[in-house]
Amino acid sequence: MLALLPFLDALRFASDVRSILSRNQQLQQVW
């Protein structure tokens, strides 16, 4: 179970980055 923690952390980080990137694209479309 402990071996999965870094993997889950990486997945969470990837989803955060993806949401930030999509948010930036939406802001660029507004401008």
C-alpha atoms as a PDB file:
ATOM      1  CA  MET A   1       0.000   0.000   0.000  1.00  0.00           C
ATOM      2  CA  LEU A   2       2.821   2.406   0.830  1.00  0.00           C
ATOM      3  CA  ALA A   3       4.325   1.763  -2.609  1.00  0.00           C
ATOM      4  CA  LEU A   4       1.146   3.172  -4.164  1.00  0.00           C
ATOM      5  CA  LEU A   5       1.402   6.495  -2.342  1.00  0.00           C
ATOM      6  CA  PRO A   6       4.002   8.126  -4.653  1.00  0.00           C
ATOM      7  CA  PHE A   7       2.019   6.861  -7.648  1.00  0.00           C
ATOM      8  CA  LEU A   8      -1.228   8.369  -6.358  1.00  0.00           C
ATOM      9  CA  ASP A   9       0.623  11.579  -5.524  1.00  0.00           C
ATOM     10  CA  ALA A  10       1.962  11.737  -9.091  1.00  0.00           C
ATOM     11  CA  LEU A  11      -1.544  11.181 -10.477  1.00  0.00           C
ATOM     12  CA  ARG A  12      -2.907  13.977  -8.299  1.00  0.00           C
ATOM     13  CA  PHE A  13      -0.077  16.257  -9.430  1.00  0.00           C
ATOM     14  CA  ALA A  14      -0.762  15.406 -13.088  1.00  0.00           C
ATOM     15  CA  SER A  15      -4.475  16.148 -12.722  1.00  0.00           C
ATOM     16  CA  ASP A  16      -3.672  19.455 -10.984  1.00  0.00           C
ATOM     17  CA  VAL A  17      -1.329  20.465 -13.810  1.00  0.00           C
ATOM     18  CA  ARG A  18      -3.919  19.462 -16.396  1.00  0.00           C
ATOM     19  CA  SER A  19      -6.639  21.540 -14.704  1.00  0.00           C
ATOM     20  CA  ILE A  20      -4.298  24.544 -14.455  1.00  0.00           C
ATOM     21  CA  LEU A  21      -3.385  24.242 -18.136  1.00  0.00           C
ATOM     22  CA  SER A  22      -7.022  24.015 -19.200  1.00  0.00           C
ATOM     23  CA  ARG A  23      -7.834  27.017 -17.003  1.00  0.00           C
ATOM     24  CA  ASN A  24      -5.041  29.004 -18.677  1.00  0.00           C
ATOM     25  CA  GLN A  25      -6.389  28.072 -22.113  1.00  0.00           C
ATOM     26  CA  GLN A  26      -9.855  29.283 -21.100  1.00  0.00           C
ATOM     27  CA  LEU A  27      -8.364  32.574 -19.884  1.00  0.00           C
ATOM     28  CA  GLN A  28      -6.496  32.997 -23.174  1.00  0.00           C
ATOM     29  CA  GLN A  29      -9.745  32.420 -25.085  1.00  0.00           C
ATOM     30  CA  VAL A  30     -11.409  35.159 -23.020  1.00  0.00           C
ATOM     31  CA  TRP A  31      -8.622  37.586 -23.891  1.00  0.00           C
END
